[in-house]
Full PDB file with SEQRES, HELIX, SHEET, SSBOND, CRYST1, ORIGX, SCALE, CONECT and MASTER records, all heavy atoms in Angstrom:
SEQRES   1 A   30  SER GLN VAL ARG GLU SER ILE PHE SER VAL LEU TYR SER          
SEQRES   2 A   30  ILE THR ASP PHE GLU LYS LYS SER PHE LEU ASP ALA PHE          
SEQRES   3 A   30  ALA GLY SER GLY                                              
HELIX    1 AA1 GLN A    2  ILE A   14  1                                  13    
CRYST1    1.000    1.000    1.000  90.00  90.00  90.00 P 1           1          
ORIGX1      1.000000  0.000000  0.000000        0.00000                         
ORIGX2      0.000000  1.000000  0.000000        0.00000                         
ORIGX3      0.000000  0.000000  1.000000        0.00000                         
SCALE1      1.000000  0.000000  0.000000        0.00000                         
SCALE2      0.000000  1.000000  0.000000        0.00000                         
SCALE3      0.000000  0.000000  1.000000        0.00000                         
ATOM      1  N   SER A   1     164.995 137.158  37.919  1.00  0.00           N  
ATOM      2  CA  SER A   1     164.348 136.279  36.939  1.00  0.00           C  
ATOM      3  C   SER A   1     165.277 135.185  36.433  1.00  0.00           C  
ATOM      4  O   SER A   1     164.856 134.035  36.307  1.00  0.00           O  
ATOM      5  CB  SER A   1     163.780 137.093  35.772  1.00  0.00           C  
ATOM      6  OG  SER A   1     164.801 137.801  35.122  1.00  0.00           O  
ATOM      7  N   GLN A   2     166.543 135.490  36.156  1.00  0.00           N  
ATOM      8  CA  GLN A   2     167.436 134.448  35.644  1.00  0.00           C  
ATOM      9  C   GLN A   2     167.721 133.389  36.710  1.00  0.00           C  
ATOM     10  O   GLN A   2     167.888 132.220  36.393  1.00  0.00           O  
ATOM     11  CB  GLN A   2     168.724 135.036  35.094  1.00  0.00           C  
ATOM     12  CG  GLN A   2     169.636 135.658  36.132  1.00  0.00           C  
ATOM     13  CD  GLN A   2     170.776 136.421  35.499  1.00  0.00           C  
ATOM     14  OE1 GLN A   2     170.561 137.307  34.680  1.00  0.00           O  
ATOM     15  NE2 GLN A   2     171.980 136.078  35.894  1.00  0.00           N  
ATOM     16  N   VAL A   3     167.732 133.781  37.969  1.00  0.00           N  
ATOM     17  CA  VAL A   3     167.918 132.814  39.055  1.00  0.00           C  
ATOM     18  C   VAL A   3     166.666 131.948  39.180  1.00  0.00           C  
ATOM     19  O   VAL A   3     166.762 130.727  39.346  1.00  0.00           O  
ATOM     20  CB  VAL A   3     168.255 133.523  40.388  1.00  0.00           C  
ATOM     21  CG1 VAL A   3     168.357 132.522  41.531  1.00  0.00           C  
ATOM     22  CG2 VAL A   3     169.541 134.329  40.261  1.00  0.00           C  
ATOM     23  N   ARG A   4     165.480 132.555  39.075  1.00  0.00           N  
ATOM     24  CA  ARG A   4     164.234 131.778  39.116  1.00  0.00           C  
ATOM     25  C   ARG A   4     164.188 130.770  37.972  1.00  0.00           C  
ATOM     26  O   ARG A   4     163.814 129.613  38.176  1.00  0.00           O  
ATOM     27  CB  ARG A   4     163.010 132.711  39.054  1.00  0.00           C  
ATOM     28  CG  ARG A   4     162.878 133.592  40.275  1.00  0.00           C  
ATOM     29  CD  ARG A   4     161.534 134.296  40.355  1.00  0.00           C  
ATOM     30  NE  ARG A   4     161.060 134.948  39.172  1.00  0.00           N  
ATOM     31  CZ  ARG A   4     161.235 136.231  38.872  1.00  0.00           C  
ATOM     32  NH1 ARG A   4     161.916 137.011  39.698  1.00  0.00           N  
ATOM     33  NH2 ARG A   4     160.735 136.760  37.781  1.00  0.00           N  
ATOM     34  N   GLU A   5     164.580 131.202  36.784  1.00  0.00           N  
ATOM     35  CA  GLU A   5     164.617 130.289  35.632  1.00  0.00           C  
ATOM     36  C   GLU A   5     165.529 129.102  35.930  1.00  0.00           C  
ATOM     37  O   GLU A   5     165.177 127.952  35.662  1.00  0.00           O  
ATOM     38  CB  GLU A   5     165.113 131.021  34.383  1.00  0.00           C  
ATOM     39  CG  GLU A   5     164.120 131.981  33.789  1.00  0.00           C  
ATOM     40  CD  GLU A   5     163.015 131.313  33.003  1.00  0.00           C  
ATOM     41  OE1 GLU A   5     163.044 130.079  32.807  1.00  0.00           O  
ATOM     42  OE2 GLU A   5     162.097 132.026  32.589  1.00  0.00           O  
ATOM     43  N   SER A   6     166.676 129.378  36.501  1.00  0.00           N  
ATOM     44  CA  SER A   6     167.638 128.331  36.833  1.00  0.00           C  
ATOM     45  C   SER A   6     167.080 127.383  37.885  1.00  0.00           C  
ATOM     46  O   SER A   6     167.198 126.161  37.769  1.00  0.00           O  
ATOM     47  CB  SER A   6     168.941 128.974  37.318  1.00  0.00           C  
ATOM     48  OG  SER A   6     169.879 127.987  37.638  1.00  0.00           O  
ATOM     49  N   ILE A   7     166.453 127.931  38.920  1.00  0.00           N  
ATOM     50  CA  ILE A   7     165.867 127.118  39.983  1.00  0.00           C  
ATOM     51  C   ILE A   7     164.836 126.148  39.418  1.00  0.00           C  
ATOM     52  O   ILE A   7     164.875 124.944  39.693  1.00  0.00           O  
ATOM     53  CB  ILE A   7     165.227 128.012  41.071  1.00  0.00           C  
ATOM     54  CG1 ILE A   7     166.309 128.725  41.879  1.00  0.00           C  
ATOM     55  CG2 ILE A   7     164.295 127.204  41.987  1.00  0.00           C  
ATOM     56  CD1 ILE A   7     165.788 129.845  42.762  1.00  0.00           C  
ATOM     57  N   PHE A   8     163.921 126.652  38.609  1.00  0.00           N  
ATOM     58  CA  PHE A   8     162.854 125.788  38.098  1.00  0.00           C  
ATOM     59  C   PHE A   8     163.352 124.835  37.022  1.00  0.00           C  
ATOM     60  O   PHE A   8     162.816 123.735  36.884  1.00  0.00           O  
ATOM     61  CB  PHE A   8     161.644 126.619  37.656  1.00  0.00           C  
ATOM     62  CG  PHE A   8     160.842 127.080  38.834  1.00  0.00           C  
ATOM     63  CD1 PHE A   8     161.017 128.354  39.358  1.00  0.00           C  
ATOM     64  CD2 PHE A   8     159.956 126.235  39.466  1.00  0.00           C  
ATOM     65  CE1 PHE A   8     160.320 128.768  40.480  1.00  0.00           C  
ATOM     66  CE2 PHE A   8     159.243 126.632  40.593  1.00  0.00           C  
ATOM     67  CZ  PHE A   8     159.424 127.899  41.095  1.00  0.00           C  
ATOM     68  N   SER A   9     164.396 125.196  36.318  1.00  0.00           N  
ATOM     69  CA  SER A   9     164.995 124.279  35.358  1.00  0.00           C  
ATOM     70  C   SER A   9     165.610 123.078  36.083  1.00  0.00           C  
ATOM     71  O   SER A   9     165.379 121.925  35.706  1.00  0.00           O  
ATOM     72  CB  SER A   9     166.065 125.019  34.541  1.00  0.00           C  
ATOM     73  OG  SER A   9     166.719 124.130  33.676  1.00  0.00           O  
ATOM     74  N   VAL A  10     166.378 123.352  37.133  1.00  0.00           N  
ATOM     75  CA  VAL A  10     166.964 122.259  37.911  1.00  0.00           C  
ATOM     76  C   VAL A  10     165.856 121.442  38.574  1.00  0.00           C  
ATOM     77  O   VAL A  10     165.872 120.208  38.529  1.00  0.00           O  
ATOM     78  CB  VAL A  10     167.951 122.802  38.978  1.00  0.00           C  
ATOM     79  CG1 VAL A  10     168.358 121.697  39.954  1.00  0.00           C  
ATOM     80  CG2 VAL A  10     169.174 123.409  38.318  1.00  0.00           C  
ATOM     81  N   LEU A  11     164.898 122.107  39.182  1.00  0.00           N  
ATOM     82  CA  LEU A  11     163.810 121.417  39.866  1.00  0.00           C  
ATOM     83  C   LEU A  11     163.046 120.508  38.905  1.00  0.00           C  
ATOM     84  O   LEU A  11     162.724 119.366  39.237  1.00  0.00           O  
ATOM     85  CB  LEU A  11     162.871 122.437  40.516  1.00  0.00           C  
ATOM     86  CG  LEU A  11     161.852 121.919  41.508  1.00  0.00           C  
ATOM     87  CD1 LEU A  11     162.503 121.117  42.627  1.00  0.00           C  
ATOM     88  CD2 LEU A  11     161.050 123.079  42.082  1.00  0.00           C  
ATOM     89  N   TYR A  12     162.801 120.988  37.700  1.00  0.00           N  
ATOM     90  CA  TYR A  12     162.079 120.189  36.705  1.00  0.00           C  
ATOM     91  C   TYR A  12     162.878 118.943  36.308  1.00  0.00           C  
ATOM     92  O   TYR A  12     162.301 117.900  36.009  1.00  0.00           O  
ATOM     93  CB  TYR A  12     161.754 121.037  35.482  1.00  0.00           C  
ATOM     94  CG  TYR A  12     160.809 120.351  34.527  1.00  0.00           C  
ATOM     95  CD1 TYR A  12     159.466 120.177  34.846  1.00  0.00           C  
ATOM     96  CD2 TYR A  12     161.261 119.844  33.318  1.00  0.00           C  
ATOM     97  CE1 TYR A  12     158.597 119.528  33.990  1.00  0.00           C  
ATOM     98  CE2 TYR A  12     160.405 119.190  32.447  1.00  0.00           C  
ATOM     99  CZ  TYR A  12     159.078 119.030  32.789  1.00  0.00           C  
ATOM    100  OH  TYR A  12     158.234 118.379  31.945  1.00  0.00           O  
ATOM    101  N   SER A  13     164.213 119.047  36.332  1.00  0.00           N  
ATOM    102  CA  SER A  13     165.045 117.888  35.988  1.00  0.00           C  
ATOM    103  C   SER A  13     165.054 116.847  37.108  1.00  0.00           C  
ATOM    104  O   SER A  13     165.404 115.693  36.885  1.00  0.00           O  
ATOM    105  CB  SER A  13     166.475 118.322  35.659  1.00  0.00           C  
ATOM    106  OG  SER A  13     167.177 118.697  36.824  1.00  0.00           O  
ATOM    107  N   ILE A  14     164.654 117.251  38.321  1.00  0.00           N  
ATOM    108  CA  ILE A  14     164.662 116.360  39.484  1.00  0.00           C  
ATOM    109  C   ILE A  14     163.294 115.728  39.726  1.00  0.00           C  
ATOM    110  O   ILE A  14     163.194 114.579  40.126  1.00  0.00           O  
ATOM    111  CB  ILE A  14     165.083 117.139  40.757  1.00  0.00           C  
ATOM    112  CG1 ILE A  14     166.500 117.681  40.614  1.00  0.00           C  
ATOM    113  CG2 ILE A  14     164.975 116.273  41.999  1.00  0.00           C  
ATOM    114  CD1 ILE A  14     166.893 118.653  41.716  1.00  0.00           C  
ATOM    115  N   THR A  15     162.218 116.485  39.502  1.00  0.00           N  
ATOM    116  CA  THR A  15     160.873 116.013  39.845  1.00  0.00           C  
ATOM    117  C   THR A  15     159.852 116.626  38.890  1.00  0.00           C  
ATOM    118  O   THR A  15     160.121 117.646  38.259  1.00  0.00           O  
ATOM    119  CB  THR A  15     160.522 116.377  41.307  1.00  0.00           C  
ATOM    120  OG1 THR A  15     159.285 115.749  41.659  1.00  0.00           O  
ATOM    121  CG2 THR A  15     160.411 117.868  41.527  1.00  0.00           C  
ATOM    122  N   ASP A  16     158.694 116.008  38.806  1.00  0.00           N  
ATOM    123  CA  ASP A  16     157.607 116.640  38.057  1.00  0.00           C  
ATOM    124  C   ASP A  16     156.811 117.513  39.029  1.00  0.00           C  
ATOM    125  O   ASP A  16     156.956 117.397  40.230  1.00  0.00           O  
ATOM    126  CB  ASP A  16     156.716 115.608  37.357  1.00  0.00           C  
ATOM    127  CG  ASP A  16     155.995 114.692  38.347  1.00  0.00           C  
ATOM    128  OD1 ASP A  16     156.402 114.616  39.509  1.00  0.00           O  
ATOM    129  OD2 ASP A  16     155.010 114.053  37.935  1.00  0.00           O  
ATOM    130  N   PHE A  17     156.006 118.403  38.493  1.00  0.00           N  
ATOM    131  CA  PHE A  17     155.284 119.368  39.319  1.00  0.00           C  
ATOM    132  C   PHE A  17     153.816 119.003  39.505  1.00  0.00           C  
ATOM    133  O   PHE A  17     153.165 119.500  40.412  1.00  0.00           O  
ATOM    134  CB  PHE A  17     155.365 120.772  38.706  1.00  0.00           C  
ATOM    135  CG  PHE A  17     156.760 121.313  38.520  1.00  0.00           C  
ATOM    136  CD1 PHE A  17     156.969 122.454  37.774  1.00  0.00           C  
ATOM    137  CD2 PHE A  17     157.876 120.704  39.083  1.00  0.00           C  
ATOM    138  CE1 PHE A  17     158.237 122.983  37.592  1.00  0.00           C  
ATOM    139  CE2 PHE A  17     159.155 121.220  38.917  1.00  0.00           C  
ATOM    140  CZ  PHE A  17     159.330 122.365  38.172  1.00  0.00           C  
ATOM    141  N   GLU A  18     153.300 118.137  38.641  1.00  0.00           N  
ATOM    142  CA  GLU A  18     151.879 117.804  38.661  1.00  0.00           C  
ATOM    143  C   GLU A  18     151.484 117.147  39.983  1.00  0.00           C  
ATOM    144  O   GLU A  18     152.162 116.243  40.474  1.00  0.00           O  
ATOM    145  CB  GLU A  18     151.569 116.854  37.499  1.00  0.00           C  
ATOM    146  CG  GLU A  18     150.103 116.643  37.268  1.00  0.00           C  
ATOM    147  CD  GLU A  18     149.842 115.764  36.057  1.00  0.00           C  
ATOM    148  OE1 GLU A  18     150.652 115.769  35.118  1.00  0.00           O  
ATOM    149  OE2 GLU A  18     148.814 115.083  36.071  1.00  0.00           O  
ATOM    150  N   LYS A  19     150.390 117.635  40.558  1.00  0.00           N  
ATOM    151  CA  LYS A  19     149.837 117.130  41.818  1.00  0.00           C  
ATOM    152  C   LYS A  19     150.827 117.256  42.977  1.00  0.00           C  
ATOM    153  O   LYS A  19     150.758 116.489  43.936  1.00  0.00           O  
ATOM    154  CB  LYS A  19     149.351 115.694  41.661  1.00  0.00           C  
ATOM    155  CG  LYS A  19     148.222 115.579  40.663  1.00  0.00           C  
ATOM    156  CD  LYS A  19     147.630 114.217  40.632  1.00  0.00           C  
ATOM    157  CE  LYS A  19     146.513 114.272  39.597  1.00  0.00           C  
ATOM    158  NZ  LYS A  19     145.843 113.051  39.386  1.00  0.00           N  
ATOM    159  N   LYS A  20     151.721 118.219  42.902  1.00  0.00           N  
ATOM    160  CA  LYS A  20     152.727 118.416  43.943  1.00  0.00           C  
ATOM    161  C   LYS A  20     152.459 119.722  44.699  1.00  0.00           C  
ATOM    162  O   LYS A  20     151.824 120.639  44.189  1.00  0.00           O  
ATOM    163  CB  LYS A  20     154.136 118.466  43.339  1.00  0.00           C  
ATOM    164  CG  LYS A  20     154.553 117.198  42.623  1.00  0.00           C  
ATOM    165  CD  LYS A  20     155.030 116.131  43.583  1.00  0.00           C  
ATOM    166  CE  LYS A  20     155.367 114.824  42.937  1.00  0.00           C  
ATOM    167  NZ  LYS A  20     156.702 114.701  42.447  1.00  0.00           N  
ATOM    168  N   SER A  21     152.987 119.768  45.928  1.00  0.00           N  
ATOM    169  CA  SER A  21     152.821 120.946  46.777  1.00  0.00           C  
ATOM    170  C   SER A  21     154.160 121.650  46.963  1.00  0.00           C  
ATOM    171  O   SER A  21     155.215 121.029  46.974  1.00  0.00           O  
ATOM    172  CB  SER A  21     152.253 120.532  48.131  1.00  0.00           C  
ATOM    173  OG  SER A  21     153.111 119.589  48.751  1.00  0.00           O  
ATOM    174  N   PHE A  22     154.079 122.968  47.127  1.00  0.00           N  
ATOM    175  CA  PHE A  22     155.263 123.827  47.209  1.00  0.00           C  
ATOM    176  C   PHE A  22     155.060 124.811  48.345  1.00  0.00           C  
ATOM    177  O   PHE A  22     154.014 125.443  48.447  1.00  0.00           O  
ATOM    178  CB  PHE A  22     155.404 124.582  45.879  1.00  0.00           C  
ATOM    179  CG  PHE A  22     156.667 125.382  45.717  1.00  0.00           C  
ATOM    180  CD1 PHE A  22     157.728 124.875  44.984  1.00  0.00           C  
ATOM    181  CD2 PHE A  22     156.788 126.646  46.276  1.00  0.00           C  
ATOM    182  CE1 PHE A  22     158.888 125.617  44.812  1.00  0.00           C  
ATOM    183  CE2 PHE A  22     157.943 127.392  46.112  1.00  0.00           C  
ATOM    184  CZ  PHE A  22     158.997 126.881  45.373  1.00  0.00           C  
ATOM    185  N   LEU A  23     156.050 124.948  49.202  1.00  0.00           N  
ATOM    186  CA  LEU A  23     156.008 125.913  50.295  1.00  0.00           C  
ATOM    187  C   LEU A  23     157.072 126.977  50.072  1.00  0.00           C  
ATOM    188  O   LEU A  23     158.253 126.658  49.953  1.00  0.00           O  
ATOM    189  CB  LEU A  23     156.251 125.238  51.645  1.00  0.00           C  
ATOM    190  CG  LEU A  23     156.417 126.195  52.846  1.00  0.00           C  
ATOM    191  CD1 LEU A  23     155.139 126.986  53.101  1.00  0.00           C  
ATOM    192  CD2 LEU A  23     156.839 125.424  54.078  1.00  0.00           C  
ATOM    193  N   ASP A  24     156.646 128.229  50.001  1.00  0.00           N  
ATOM    194  CA  ASP A  24     157.542 129.383  49.957  1.00  0.00           C  
ATOM    195  C   ASP A  24     157.642 129.852  51.406  1.00  0.00           C  
ATOM    196  O   ASP A  24     156.783 130.577  51.904  1.00  0.00           O  
ATOM    197  CB  ASP A  24     156.953 130.455  49.040  1.00  0.00           C  
ATOM    198  CG  ASP A  24     157.917 131.574  48.719  1.00  0.00           C  
ATOM    199  OD1 ASP A  24     158.949 131.687  49.403  1.00  0.00           O  
ATOM    200  OD2 ASP A  24     157.624 132.346  47.785  1.00  0.00           O  
ATOM    201  N   ALA A  25     158.694 129.394  52.107  1.00  0.00           N  
ATOM    202  CA  ALA A  25     158.764 129.505  53.562  1.00  0.00           C  
ATOM    203  C   ALA A  25     159.047 130.912  54.095  1.00  0.00           C  
ATOM    204  O   ALA A  25     158.710 131.208  55.233  1.00  0.00           O  
ATOM    205  CB  ALA A  25     159.805 128.526  54.109  1.00  0.00           C  
ATOM    206  N   PHE A  26     159.667 131.750  53.309  1.00  0.00           N  
ATOM    207  CA  PHE A  26     159.916 133.150  53.685  1.00  0.00           C  
ATOM    208  C   PHE A  26     159.485 133.967  52.475  1.00  0.00           C  
ATOM    209  O   PHE A  26     160.315 134.448  51.710  1.00  0.00           O  
ATOM    210  CB  PHE A  26     161.395 133.383  54.017  1.00  0.00           C  
ATOM    211  CG  PHE A  26     161.868 132.618  55.218  1.00  0.00           C  
ATOM    212  CD1 PHE A  26     162.304 131.304  55.106  1.00  0.00           C  
ATOM    213  CD2 PHE A  26     161.857 133.213  56.472  1.00  0.00           C  
ATOM    214  CE1 PHE A  26     162.737 130.600  56.219  1.00  0.00           C  
ATOM    215  CE2 PHE A  26     162.291 132.508  57.593  1.00  0.00           C  
ATOM    216  CZ  PHE A  26     162.735 131.195  57.458  1.00  0.00           C  
ATOM    217  N   ALA A  27     158.189 134.123  52.289  1.00  0.00           N  
ATOM    218  CA  ALA A  27     157.610 134.510  51.005  1.00  0.00           C  
ATOM    219  C   ALA A  27     158.044 135.871  50.473  1.00  0.00           C  
ATOM    220  O   ALA A  27     158.286 136.007  49.283  1.00  0.00           O  
ATOM    221  CB  ALA A  27     156.089 134.442  51.082  1.00  0.00           C  
ATOM    222  N   GLY A  28     158.092 136.885  51.308  1.00  0.00           N  
ATOM    223  CA  GLY A  28     158.410 138.218  50.771  1.00  0.00           C  
ATOM    224  C   GLY A  28     157.412 138.582  49.690  1.00  0.00           C  
ATOM    225  O   GLY A  28     156.207 138.554  49.901  1.00  0.00           O  
ATOM    226  N   SER A  29     157.914 138.875  48.493  1.00  0.00           N  
ATOM    227  CA  SER A  29     157.035 139.230  47.373  1.00  0.00           C  
ATOM    228  C   SER A  29     156.183 138.052  46.910  1.00  0.00           C  
ATOM    229  O   SER A  29     155.156 138.235  46.278  1.00  0.00           O  
ATOM    230  CB  SER A  29     157.871 139.725  46.193  1.00  0.00           C  
ATOM    231  OG  SER A  29     158.619 138.649  45.626  1.00  0.00           O  
ATOM    232  N   GLY A  30     156.643 136.840  47.204  1.00  0.00           N  
ATOM    233  CA  GLY A  30     155.921 135.643  46.768  1.00  0.00           C  
ATOM    234  C   GLY A  30     156.277 135.186  45.371  1.00  0.00           C  
ATOM    235  O   GLY A  30     155.696 134.228  44.866  1.00  0.00           O  
TER     236      GLY A  30                                                      
MASTER        0    0    0    1    0    0    0    6  235    1    0    3          
END                                                                             
């Protein structure tokens, strides 16, 4: 969870999420 929080925090600082697509390429649990 803390790594996910970090990932989305950095991602949010780079781009917005609205009307965007996301690929989880090796999904596992998803």
